[in-house]
Amino acid sequence: MKIKAFLKFGARTGRDCRIDRDDRNNWDERPNRKDRNMKIKSMIVVALFFIFTATVLGAAESPDFKAIFKTIDDRLNFMKSDYSAMYTIVHDQPGKDQQVTEAKIFRRDTGDKLTIVILKPDVNKGQGYINLEGNLWFYDPDTRKFIHSSAKENFQSSDAKNSDFRKSSFSDDYDVESFTDGKLGKIETYVVNLKGRTNEVTYPFLKTWISRKDGLLLKTESYSLTNRLMRTSLFPSYVRVGDNLISDKMLFSDEIEKGNKTQITIKDLSLAAIPDYVFTKSYLEQVNR
């Protein structure tokens, strides 16, 4: 005959609860609820620790590409002085004569001002470009008229774009979408995919190769909105000008019309102050008279 025992839970339920002695023995053998809760909490703490550690390590391994592209812009832009140089643009097309253009470039990056004067060939001599208050104008000396142009247009029918002659703005114009480690020849690089922030950029998507050693931009692939490869650009050499590092040789290949390519070589770089009137329409109208 079973003997009944009583456990009172009056403070909790206000009533008696009857339990068999055999049942009470089984109850005592069960894990303590407080111990179970402590084990669960410990497991949660350990899991959170590993998640936090993985996040921190992942963040530590991921380069700060915003800072990297800001450095690229800072190296290419002249914010402490004016900048001028001679540019030779050599354009090759299959089955056609080579086209050589020489131009004098004047930049005042603090005001985003740009003036370009075409010196050769003779047929285009006196043509020019000027960027004023965010508007790019092309000057034709034959008609003596200024025609509104765009940074997206090809420069003098070459594979270079008008935007290639302006100050660099990667950090303002693009967001980083993804990156991988890669190589360009024997050079260790970051391969970074960029997406334009607005429709004002020359190309909506860029794939860039950046040297891991010194952060120099070595190559870009430019893509359309439909992710079609439009142009490949190479920057094989750099020259130091004051505190700046500027690519003195650029190679552009048209990926739509295969075989079309343009090489730009820069020489006679100067940081001397440029007179204000050089950045006026009147200058282009008078420079080659």
Protein backbone atom coordinates (compact mmCIF):
# COMPACT_ATOMS: atom_id res chain seq x y z
CA MET A 1 0.00 0.00 0.00
CA LYS A 2 1.36 3.37 -1.12
CA ILE A 3 1.90 6.01 1.52
CA LYS A 4 0.88 9.53 0.44
CA ALA A 5 3.04 12.57 1.11
CA PHE A 6 1.98 16.17 0.81
CA LEU A 7 3.98 19.11 -0.52
CA LYS A 8 2.48 22.47 0.03
CA PHE A 9 2.87 25.21 -2.64
CA GLY A 10 0.50 27.55 -0.94
CA ALA A 11 2.60 30.68 -1.45
CA ARG A 12 2.55 30.07 -5.19
CA THR A 13 -0.81 28.46 -5.91
CA GLY A 14 -2.83 28.78 -2.73
CA ARG A 15 -3.60 25.06 -2.76
CA ASP A 16 -2.13 21.66 -1.86
CA CYS A 17 -0.63 19.40 -4.46
CA ARG A 18 -0.63 15.64 -3.71
CA ILE A 19 2.29 13.58 -5.06
CA ASP A 20 3.01 9.88 -4.59
CA ARG A 21 6.20 9.03 -2.74
CA ASP A 22 7.37 7.15 -5.82
CA ASP A 23 6.70 10.23 -7.92
CA ARG A 24 8.60 12.37 -5.45
CA ASN A 25 11.62 10.11 -5.80
CA ASN A 26 11.48 10.56 -9.58
CA TRP A 27 11.11 14.37 -9.16
CA ASP A 28 14.24 14.57 -7.01
CA GLU A 29 16.21 12.72 -9.68
CA ARG A 30 15.34 15.28 -12.39
CA PRO A 31 17.94 18.01 -13.23
CA ASN A 32 17.54 21.14 -11.23
CA ARG A 33 15.71 23.82 -13.30
CA LYS A 34 18.15 26.49 -12.14
CA ASP A 35 21.09 24.41 -13.39
CA ARG A 36 19.40 23.91 -16.75
CA ASN A 37 18.87 27.67 -17.12
CA MET A 38 22.50 28.33 -16.27
CA LYS A 39 23.66 25.86 -18.91
CA ILE A 40 21.44 27.49 -21.55
CA LYS A 41 22.74 30.94 -20.66
CA SER A 42 26.32 29.68 -20.86
CA MET A 43 25.69 28.22 -24.31
CA ILE A 44 24.21 31.52 -25.50
CA VAL A 45 27.17 33.49 -24.16
CA VAL A 46 29.63 31.16 -25.91
CA ALA A 47 27.71 31.39 -29.19
CA LEU A 48 27.60 35.20 -29.02
CA PHE A 49 31.32 35.26 -28.28
CA PHE A 50 32.14 33.28 -31.41
CA ILE A 51 29.82 35.42 -33.54
CA PHE A 52 31.41 38.61 -32.21
CA THR A 53 34.94 37.24 -32.72
CA ALA A 54 34.18 36.21 -36.30
CA THR A 55 32.69 39.63 -37.03
CA VAL A 56 35.68 41.48 -35.60
CA LEU A 57 38.17 39.29 -37.45
CA GLY A 58 36.21 39.67 -40.68
CA ALA A 59 36.17 43.45 -40.30
CA ALA A 60 39.88 43.48 -39.54
CA GLU A 61 40.64 41.49 -42.71
CA SER A 62 38.44 43.63 -44.97
CA PRO A 63 40.31 46.70 -46.32
CA ASP A 64 38.83 50.16 -45.91
CA PHE A 65 38.12 50.76 -49.60
CA LYS A 66 36.46 54.09 -48.93
CA ALA A 67 39.78 55.33 -47.56
CA ILE A 68 41.71 53.62 -50.39
CA PHE A 69 39.71 55.36 -53.13
CA LYS A 70 39.92 58.65 -51.24
CA THR A 71 43.71 58.25 -51.29
CA ILE A 72 43.63 57.52 -55.02
CA ASP A 73 41.65 60.72 -55.59
CA ASP A 74 43.97 62.74 -53.34
CA ARG A 75 47.03 61.53 -55.22
CA LEU A 76 45.57 62.36 -58.64
CA ASN A 77 44.04 65.70 -57.71
CA PHE A 78 45.86 68.99 -57.20
CA MET A 79 44.15 70.76 -54.33
CA LYS A 80 47.17 72.82 -53.22
CA SER A 81 48.21 74.21 -56.60
CA ASP A 82 47.25 74.57 -60.25
CA TYR A 83 48.30 71.90 -62.73
CA SER A 84 49.23 72.01 -66.40
CA ALA A 85 50.79 69.52 -68.81
CA MET A 86 51.18 68.49 -72.44
CA TYR A 87 49.10 65.49 -73.48
CA THR A 88 49.77 63.41 -76.59
CA ILE A 89 46.79 61.28 -77.59
CA VAL A 90 47.49 58.52 -80.14
CA HIS A 91 44.39 56.82 -81.54
CA ASP A 92 44.60 53.61 -83.60
CA GLN A 93 41.82 52.03 -85.63
CA PRO A 94 42.17 48.95 -87.83
CA GLY A 95 42.51 49.89 -91.49
CA LYS A 96 42.83 53.64 -90.80
CA ASP A 97 45.68 56.09 -90.43
CA GLN A 98 46.89 56.73 -86.91
CA GLN A 99 45.44 59.90 -85.41
CA VAL A 100 47.76 61.96 -83.19
CA THR A 101 46.43 64.84 -81.09
CA GLU A 102 48.48 67.17 -78.93
CA ALA A 103 46.74 69.24 -76.28
CA LYS A 104 47.65 71.57 -73.46
CA ILE A 105 45.73 70.85 -70.27
CA PHE A 106 45.12 73.43 -67.54
CA ARG A 107 43.45 72.41 -64.26
CA ARG A 108 42.44 74.19 -61.09
CA ASP A 109 40.94 71.37 -59.08
CA THR A 110 39.87 73.51 -56.12
CA GLY A 111 37.18 75.03 -58.34
CA ASP A 112 36.78 72.01 -60.66
CA LYS A 113 38.03 74.21 -63.51
CA LEU A 114 39.46 72.75 -66.69
CA THR A 115 40.69 74.26 -69.96
CA ILE A 116 42.01 72.20 -72.88
CA VAL A 117 43.59 73.72 -75.98
CA ILE A 118 44.13 71.54 -79.07
CA LEU A 119 47.52 72.24 -80.69
CA LYS A 120 47.74 69.41 -83.26
CA PRO A 121 46.73 68.28 -85.82
CA ASP A 122 46.51 71.52 -87.75
CA VAL A 123 42.99 70.74 -88.92
CA ASN A 124 41.79 70.82 -85.27
CA LYS A 125 44.16 73.52 -83.99
CA GLY A 126 42.39 76.11 -81.89
CA GLN A 127 39.61 73.81 -80.77
CA GLY A 128 39.20 73.60 -77.04
CA TYR A 129 37.20 72.60 -74.01
CA ILE A 130 36.34 74.50 -70.87
CA ASN A 131 34.56 73.36 -67.71
CA LEU A 132 32.67 76.14 -65.95
CA GLU A 133 30.31 75.70 -63.00
CA GLY A 134 29.82 72.04 -63.76
CA ASN A 135 29.18 72.56 -67.47
CA LEU A 136 31.61 71.36 -70.12
CA TRP A 137 31.81 73.38 -73.35
CA PHE A 138 33.51 72.59 -76.66
CA TYR A 139 34.81 75.55 -78.67
CA ASP A 140 34.96 75.43 -82.47
CA PRO A 141 37.15 78.23 -83.90
CA ASP A 142 35.66 77.81 -87.38
CA THR A 143 32.18 78.76 -86.24
CA ARG A 144 33.43 80.68 -83.17
CA LYS A 145 30.72 79.00 -81.15
CA PHE A 146 30.64 77.10 -77.86
CA ILE A 147 28.74 73.82 -77.93
CA HIS A 148 27.61 72.13 -74.74
CA SER A 149 29.46 68.86 -74.29
CA SER A 150 29.47 66.06 -71.72
CA ALA A 151 32.01 64.21 -69.61
CA LYS A 152 30.68 60.98 -71.15
CA GLU A 153 31.60 61.93 -74.71
CA ASN A 154 34.71 60.66 -76.46
CA PHE A 155 37.59 63.11 -76.61
CA GLN A 156 38.46 64.10 -80.19
CA SER A 157 36.98 60.85 -81.56
CA SER A 158 39.45 58.76 -79.52
CA ASP A 159 38.75 56.04 -76.94
CA ALA A 160 39.43 58.50 -74.12
CA LYS A 161 36.47 60.20 -72.49
CA ASN A 162 36.29 63.88 -71.60
CA SER A 163 36.07 62.80 -67.96
CA ASP A 164 39.56 61.26 -68.21
CA PHE A 165 41.03 64.78 -68.25
CA ARG A 166 39.18 66.08 -65.19
CA LYS A 167 40.00 65.61 -61.53
CA SER A 168 39.45 62.17 -60.06
CA SER A 169 36.26 61.50 -58.08
CA PHE A 170 36.02 57.76 -57.37
CA SER A 171 35.23 58.26 -53.68
CA ASP A 172 32.37 60.67 -54.44
CA ASP A 173 30.89 58.96 -57.49
CA TYR A 174 31.00 55.24 -56.66
CA ASP A 175 30.12 52.76 -53.92
CA VAL A 176 31.99 49.50 -53.35
CA GLU A 177 29.83 46.46 -54.08
CA SER A 178 32.32 43.62 -53.59
CA PHE A 179 35.99 42.71 -53.76
CA THR A 180 38.33 39.76 -54.17
CA ASP A 181 42.08 39.25 -54.06
CA GLY A 182 43.74 38.98 -57.43
CA LYS A 183 46.83 39.48 -59.56
CA LEU A 184 47.75 41.70 -62.48
CA GLY A 185 50.76 39.97 -63.94
CA LYS A 186 52.95 39.40 -60.89
CA ILE A 187 51.44 42.26 -58.89
CA GLU A 188 49.19 41.37 -55.95
CA THR A 189 45.97 43.36 -56.20
CA TYR A 190 42.52 43.98 -54.82
CA VAL A 191 39.87 43.52 -57.49
CA VAL A 192 37.06 45.87 -56.49
CA ASN A 193 33.63 46.19 -58.10
CA LEU A 194 32.08 49.66 -58.01
CA LYS A 195 28.57 50.95 -58.68
CA GLY A 196 27.85 54.54 -59.66
CA ARG A 197 25.83 56.59 -57.22
CA THR A 198 24.07 58.64 -59.91
CA ASN A 199 23.44 58.51 -63.65
CA GLU A 200 25.93 61.36 -64.07
CA VAL A 201 28.93 59.02 -63.95
CA THR A 202 30.61 58.12 -67.23
CA TYR A 203 30.09 54.39 -66.63
CA PRO A 204 27.54 52.92 -64.18
CA PHE A 205 29.76 50.00 -63.17
CA LEU A 206 33.53 49.67 -62.82
CA LYS A 207 35.83 46.77 -62.03
CA THR A 208 39.14 48.03 -60.69
CA TRP A 209 42.54 46.51 -59.94
CA ILE A 210 44.42 48.23 -57.10
CA SER A 211 47.96 47.36 -56.04
CA ARG A 212 47.97 45.90 -52.53
CA LYS A 213 51.51 47.20 -51.96
CA ASP A 214 51.08 50.91 -52.70
CA GLY A 215 47.38 51.46 -53.42
CA LEU A 216 47.90 52.57 -57.02
CA LEU A 217 45.08 52.15 -59.53
CA LEU A 218 46.44 49.83 -62.25
CA LYS A 219 43.45 48.83 -64.35
CA THR A 220 39.73 49.42 -64.80
CA GLU A 221 37.02 47.68 -66.78
CA SER A 222 34.02 49.89 -67.57
CA TYR A 223 30.55 48.37 -67.89
CA SER A 224 27.15 49.52 -69.13
CA LEU A 225 23.87 49.29 -67.20
CA THR A 226 23.38 45.84 -68.73
CA ASN A 227 26.85 44.80 -67.48
CA ARG A 228 28.33 44.80 -70.97
CA LEU A 229 32.07 45.45 -71.02
CA MET A 230 32.58 48.76 -72.84
CA ARG A 231 36.20 49.75 -72.27
CA THR A 232 39.40 48.53 -70.62
CA SER A 233 41.87 51.06 -69.18
CA LEU A 234 45.46 50.45 -68.08
CA PHE A 235 47.69 52.74 -66.00
CA PRO A 236 51.15 51.13 -66.31
CA SER A 237 53.32 53.94 -64.92
CA TYR A 238 53.15 56.83 -62.48
CA VAL A 239 55.25 59.93 -61.94
CA ARG A 240 55.53 62.01 -58.79
CA VAL A 241 54.60 65.69 -59.08
CA GLY A 242 55.03 67.46 -55.76
CA ASP A 243 52.92 65.50 -53.28
CA ASN A 244 50.92 63.88 -56.07
CA LEU A 245 51.25 60.67 -58.04
CA ILE A 246 49.80 60.89 -61.53
CA SER A 247 49.70 58.27 -64.26
CA ASP A 248 51.87 59.60 -67.09
CA LYS A 249 50.78 56.87 -69.48
CA MET A 250 47.22 55.62 -70.02
CA LEU A 251 45.98 52.93 -72.40
CA PHE A 252 42.30 52.69 -73.42
CA SER A 253 40.86 49.78 -75.43
CA ASP A 254 37.39 49.84 -76.98
CA GLU A 255 35.71 46.52 -76.14
CA ILE A 256 32.82 47.10 -78.56
CA GLU A 257 34.79 48.01 -81.66
CA LYS A 258 37.65 45.58 -81.24
CA GLY A 259 41.05 46.87 -82.29
CA ASN A 260 40.33 50.50 -81.46
CA LYS A 261 42.77 51.72 -78.86
CA THR A 262 44.17 55.00 -77.54
CA GLN A 263 47.37 55.80 -75.68
CA ILE A 264 47.84 59.03 -73.73
CA THR A 265 51.32 60.18 -72.74
CA ILE A 266 51.81 63.13 -70.40
CA LYS A 267 54.91 65.34 -70.24
CA ASP A 268 56.01 68.84 -69.14
CA LEU A 269 53.99 68.63 -65.92
CA SER A 270 53.89 71.86 -63.93
CA LEU A 271 52.43 73.11 -60.66
CA ALA A 272 53.00 76.77 -61.48
CA ALA A 273 50.15 79.18 -60.89
CA ILE A 274 47.87 79.66 -63.90
CA PRO A 275 46.38 83.11 -64.65
CA ASP A 276 42.65 83.32 -63.95
CA TYR A 277 41.78 84.36 -67.51
CA VAL A 278 42.92 80.92 -68.80
CA PHE A 279 39.73 79.53 -67.26
CA THR A 280 37.44 81.77 -69.33
CA LYS A 281 35.73 81.41 -72.70
CA SER A 282 37.53 84.55 -73.87
CA TYR A 283 40.85 82.76 -73.53
CA LEU A 284 39.81 80.00 -75.93
CA GLU A 285 38.48 82.58 -78.37
CA GLN A 286 41.78 84.46 -78.44
CA VAL A 287 44.49 81.87 -77.77
CA ASN A 288 45.12 80.84 -81.38
CA ARG A 289 44.23 84.02 -83.25
